[in-house]
Amino acid sequence: MYKINSQKGFIKMILIIVIALLILSYYGFDIEKTIKSPLTQKNLNYIQQISLSVWQNILKAPIMYIWNLSTNLIKSKIGS
C-alpha cells in the first residue's frame, strides 16, 4: 500500500514558496510594500470580517456540536 509522506509534502511546499519569493524579488516585486498598502489592508480586513461572520453565523454551531459529541464519547469510553 502506498503511504503519503507528509514530511516531503511540507518541505516541497516550503521550497515552492521560497522559489516564488525569489522570482518575485527578481522582477522587483516588493512584498512588504504590497502588504502594508492601504488597499491590501482594506481587503484583508474585509476577508477577516467575512470569515468571522461565516464562523459565527454558519460554522460555529455545527462544529461545536460535533466537538462536544466527540469529547463526550471519548470521555465515556475512557470512564468505562
N, C-alpha and C. Protein backbone atom coordinates (compact mmCIF):
# COMPACT_ATOMS: atom_id res chain seq x y z
N MET A 1 0.84 -1.18 0.00
CA MET A 1 0.00 0.00 0.00
C MET A 1 0.89 1.24 0.00
N TYR A 2 0.51 2.23 -0.80
CA TYR A 2 1.27 3.46 -0.92
C TYR A 2 0.92 4.39 0.25
N LYS A 3 1.96 4.88 0.93
CA LYS A 3 1.75 5.78 2.06
C LYS A 3 2.32 7.15 1.71
N ILE A 4 1.50 8.19 1.89
CA ILE A 4 1.95 9.54 1.59
C ILE A 4 2.82 10.03 2.74
N ASN A 5 3.99 10.54 2.40
CA ASN A 5 4.90 11.08 3.40
C ASN A 5 4.63 12.57 3.52
N SER A 6 4.00 12.98 4.62
CA SER A 6 3.64 14.38 4.79
C SER A 6 4.86 15.26 4.98
N GLN A 7 5.97 14.71 5.45
CA GLN A 7 7.19 15.48 5.63
C GLN A 7 7.72 15.98 4.28
N LYS A 8 7.69 15.14 3.27
CA LYS A 8 8.14 15.54 1.94
C LYS A 8 7.23 16.61 1.36
N GLY A 9 5.95 16.49 1.58
CA GLY A 9 5.00 17.49 1.10
C GLY A 9 5.23 18.83 1.74
N PHE A 10 5.54 18.84 3.02
CA PHE A 10 5.80 20.09 3.75
C PHE A 10 7.06 20.75 3.22
N ILE A 11 8.10 19.98 3.04
CA ILE A 11 9.37 20.50 2.54
C ILE A 11 9.19 21.02 1.11
N LYS A 12 8.44 20.29 0.30
CA LYS A 12 8.18 20.71 -1.07
C LYS A 12 7.43 22.05 -1.09
N MET A 13 6.47 22.21 -0.21
CA MET A 13 5.71 23.45 -0.14
C MET A 13 6.61 24.62 0.27
N ILE A 14 7.50 24.40 1.22
CA ILE A 14 8.44 25.46 1.63
C ILE A 14 9.34 25.84 0.46
N LEU A 15 9.85 24.85 -0.27
CA LEU A 15 10.69 25.13 -1.43
C LEU A 15 9.94 25.93 -2.50
N ILE A 16 8.71 25.59 -2.74
CA ILE A 16 7.90 26.31 -3.73
C ILE A 16 7.72 27.77 -3.29
N ILE A 17 7.45 27.98 -2.02
CA ILE A 17 7.27 29.35 -1.51
C ILE A 17 8.56 30.14 -1.65
N VAL A 18 9.69 29.53 -1.28
CA VAL A 18 10.98 30.22 -1.38
C VAL A 18 11.28 30.56 -2.83
N ILE A 19 11.05 29.63 -3.75
CA ILE A 19 11.31 29.89 -5.18
C ILE A 19 10.39 30.99 -5.69
N ALA A 20 9.12 30.97 -5.29
CA ALA A 20 8.20 32.02 -5.71
C ALA A 20 8.65 33.39 -5.19
N LEU A 21 9.12 33.43 -3.94
CA LEU A 21 9.61 34.70 -3.39
C LEU A 21 10.85 35.19 -4.14
N LEU A 22 11.73 34.27 -4.51
CA LEU A 22 12.92 34.66 -5.27
C LEU A 22 12.55 35.19 -6.66
N ILE A 23 11.59 34.56 -7.30
CA ILE A 23 11.15 35.02 -8.62
C ILE A 23 10.52 36.42 -8.51
N LEU A 24 9.67 36.60 -7.50
CA LEU A 24 9.06 37.91 -7.30
C LEU A 24 10.12 38.98 -7.03
N SER A 25 11.11 38.64 -6.23
CA SER A 25 12.19 39.58 -5.92
C SER A 25 12.99 39.91 -7.19
N TYR A 26 13.22 38.95 -8.01
CA TYR A 26 13.98 39.14 -9.25
C TYR A 26 13.29 40.17 -10.15
N TYR A 27 11.96 40.13 -10.19
CA TYR A 27 11.21 41.06 -11.02
C TYR A 27 10.88 42.37 -10.30
N GLY A 28 11.45 42.58 -9.11
CA GLY A 28 11.29 43.86 -8.41
C GLY A 28 10.00 44.02 -7.64
N PHE A 29 9.33 42.93 -7.33
CA PHE A 29 8.08 42.98 -6.58
C PHE A 29 8.40 43.14 -5.10
N ASP A 30 7.91 44.21 -4.48
CA ASP A 30 8.17 44.47 -3.06
C ASP A 30 7.00 43.95 -2.23
N ILE A 31 7.19 42.82 -1.59
CA ILE A 31 6.12 42.17 -0.83
C ILE A 31 5.72 43.02 0.36
N GLU A 32 6.70 43.58 1.07
CA GLU A 32 6.39 44.39 2.26
C GLU A 32 5.54 45.60 1.89
N LYS A 33 5.91 46.28 0.81
CA LYS A 33 5.16 47.45 0.36
C LYS A 33 3.73 47.06 -0.01
N THR A 34 3.59 45.92 -0.67
CA THR A 34 2.26 45.45 -1.07
C THR A 34 1.40 45.11 0.14
N ILE A 35 1.97 44.42 1.11
CA ILE A 35 1.22 44.02 2.31
C ILE A 35 0.80 45.23 3.12
N LYS A 36 1.66 46.24 3.19
CA LYS A 36 1.38 47.43 4.00
C LYS A 36 0.51 48.46 3.29
N SER A 37 0.23 48.27 2.03
CA SER A 37 -0.56 49.26 1.29
C SER A 37 -1.98 49.33 1.86
N PRO A 38 -2.57 50.52 1.84
CA PRO A 38 -3.92 50.69 2.39
C PRO A 38 -4.96 49.79 1.71
N LEU A 39 -4.85 49.61 0.40
CA LEU A 39 -5.81 48.77 -0.31
C LEU A 39 -5.72 47.31 0.14
N THR A 40 -4.49 46.80 0.28
CA THR A 40 -4.31 45.42 0.75
C THR A 40 -4.84 45.27 2.17
N GLN A 41 -4.57 46.25 3.02
CA GLN A 41 -5.05 46.19 4.40
C GLN A 41 -6.58 46.21 4.43
N LYS A 42 -7.18 47.02 3.58
CA LYS A 42 -8.64 47.08 3.50
C LYS A 42 -9.21 45.73 3.06
N ASN A 43 -8.59 45.12 2.04
CA ASN A 43 -9.05 43.82 1.55
C ASN A 43 -8.88 42.73 2.60
N LEU A 44 -7.74 42.73 3.29
CA LEU A 44 -7.51 41.73 4.34
C LEU A 44 -8.51 41.90 5.48
N ASN A 45 -8.82 43.15 5.83
CA ASN A 45 -9.80 43.40 6.88
C ASN A 45 -11.18 42.90 6.46
N TYR A 46 -11.52 43.11 5.19
CA TYR A 46 -12.80 42.65 4.66
C TYR A 46 -12.89 41.12 4.73
N ILE A 47 -11.83 40.45 4.31
CA ILE A 47 -11.80 38.98 4.36
C ILE A 47 -11.91 38.49 5.80
N GLN A 48 -11.24 39.18 6.71
CA GLN A 48 -11.31 38.81 8.12
C GLN A 48 -12.74 38.94 8.65
N GLN A 49 -13.41 40.03 8.32
CA GLN A 49 -14.79 40.23 8.78
C GLN A 49 -15.74 39.19 8.19
N ILE A 50 -15.57 38.87 6.91
CA ILE A 50 -16.42 37.85 6.27
C ILE A 50 -16.18 36.50 6.93
N SER A 51 -14.91 36.16 7.15
CA SER A 51 -14.57 34.87 7.76
C SER A 51 -15.15 34.76 9.16
N LEU A 52 -15.05 35.83 9.94
CA LEU A 52 -15.60 35.83 11.29
C LEU A 52 -17.11 35.68 11.26
N SER A 53 -17.75 36.36 10.31
CA SER A 53 -19.21 36.26 10.19
C SER A 53 -19.63 34.85 9.80
N VAL A 54 -18.93 34.24 8.87
CA VAL A 54 -19.24 32.86 8.46
C VAL A 54 -19.06 31.91 9.65
N TRP A 55 -17.98 32.10 10.40
CA TRP A 55 -17.74 31.25 11.57
C TRP A 55 -18.87 31.42 12.58
N GLN A 56 -19.18 32.65 12.94
CA GLN A 56 -20.18 32.90 13.97
C GLN A 56 -21.59 32.46 13.57
N ASN A 57 -21.97 32.72 12.31
CA ASN A 57 -23.35 32.51 11.89
C ASN A 57 -23.63 31.17 11.23
N ILE A 58 -22.59 30.50 10.71
CA ILE A 58 -22.84 29.27 9.97
C ILE A 58 -22.09 28.07 10.56
N LEU A 59 -20.80 28.21 10.77
CA LEU A 59 -19.97 27.05 11.10
C LEU A 59 -19.87 26.73 12.59
N LYS A 60 -19.93 27.73 13.44
CA LYS A 60 -19.65 27.52 14.86
C LYS A 60 -20.59 26.50 15.51
N ALA A 61 -21.88 26.64 15.31
CA ALA A 61 -22.85 25.76 15.97
C ALA A 61 -22.66 24.29 15.58
N PRO A 62 -22.62 23.93 14.30
CA PRO A 62 -22.46 22.51 13.98
C PRO A 62 -21.09 21.95 14.39
N ILE A 63 -20.04 22.76 14.23
CA ILE A 63 -18.72 22.27 14.62
C ILE A 63 -18.63 22.06 16.12
N MET A 64 -19.18 22.99 16.90
CA MET A 64 -19.16 22.84 18.35
C MET A 64 -20.03 21.64 18.79
N TYR A 65 -21.13 21.41 18.09
CA TYR A 65 -21.97 20.25 18.39
C TYR A 65 -21.18 18.95 18.18
N ILE A 66 -20.52 18.86 17.03
CA ILE A 66 -19.71 17.66 16.74
C ILE A 66 -18.56 17.54 17.72
N TRP A 67 -17.92 18.65 18.06
CA TRP A 67 -16.81 18.64 19.02
C TRP A 67 -17.28 18.13 20.37
N ASN A 68 -18.39 18.67 20.88
CA ASN A 68 -18.91 18.25 22.19
C ASN A 68 -19.36 16.79 22.16
N LEU A 69 -19.98 16.37 21.08
CA LEU A 69 -20.39 14.98 20.93
C LEU A 69 -19.17 14.06 20.95
N SER A 70 -18.13 14.44 20.24
CA SER A 70 -16.90 13.63 20.18
C SER A 70 -16.22 13.57 21.54
N THR A 71 -16.10 14.71 22.21
CA THR A 71 -15.42 14.70 23.51
C THR A 71 -16.22 13.92 24.54
N ASN A 72 -17.54 14.01 24.49
CA ASN A 72 -18.35 13.23 25.42
C ASN A 72 -18.23 11.74 25.15
N LEU A 73 -18.16 11.38 23.89
CA LEU A 73 -18.00 9.97 23.52
C LEU A 73 -16.65 9.45 24.01
N ILE A 74 -15.61 10.24 23.83
CA ILE A 74 -14.27 9.84 24.28
C ILE A 74 -14.24 9.72 25.80
N LYS A 75 -14.85 10.69 26.48
CA LYS A 75 -14.88 10.65 27.95
C LYS A 75 -15.64 9.43 28.44
N SER A 76 -16.73 9.08 27.77
CA SER A 76 -17.49 7.91 28.20
C SER A 76 -16.72 6.62 27.96
N LYS A 77 -15.92 6.55 26.88
CA LYS A 77 -15.11 5.37 26.61
C LYS A 77 -13.97 5.23 27.60
N ILE A 78 -13.37 6.36 27.99
CA ILE A 78 -12.27 6.34 28.94
C ILE A 78 -12.78 6.02 30.34
N GLY A 79 -13.95 6.55 30.67
CA GLY A 79 -14.50 6.35 32.02
C GLY A 79 -14.98 4.92 32.27
N SER A 80 -15.31 4.18 31.23
CA SER A 80 -15.85 2.82 31.44
C SER A 80 -14.83 1.74 31.30
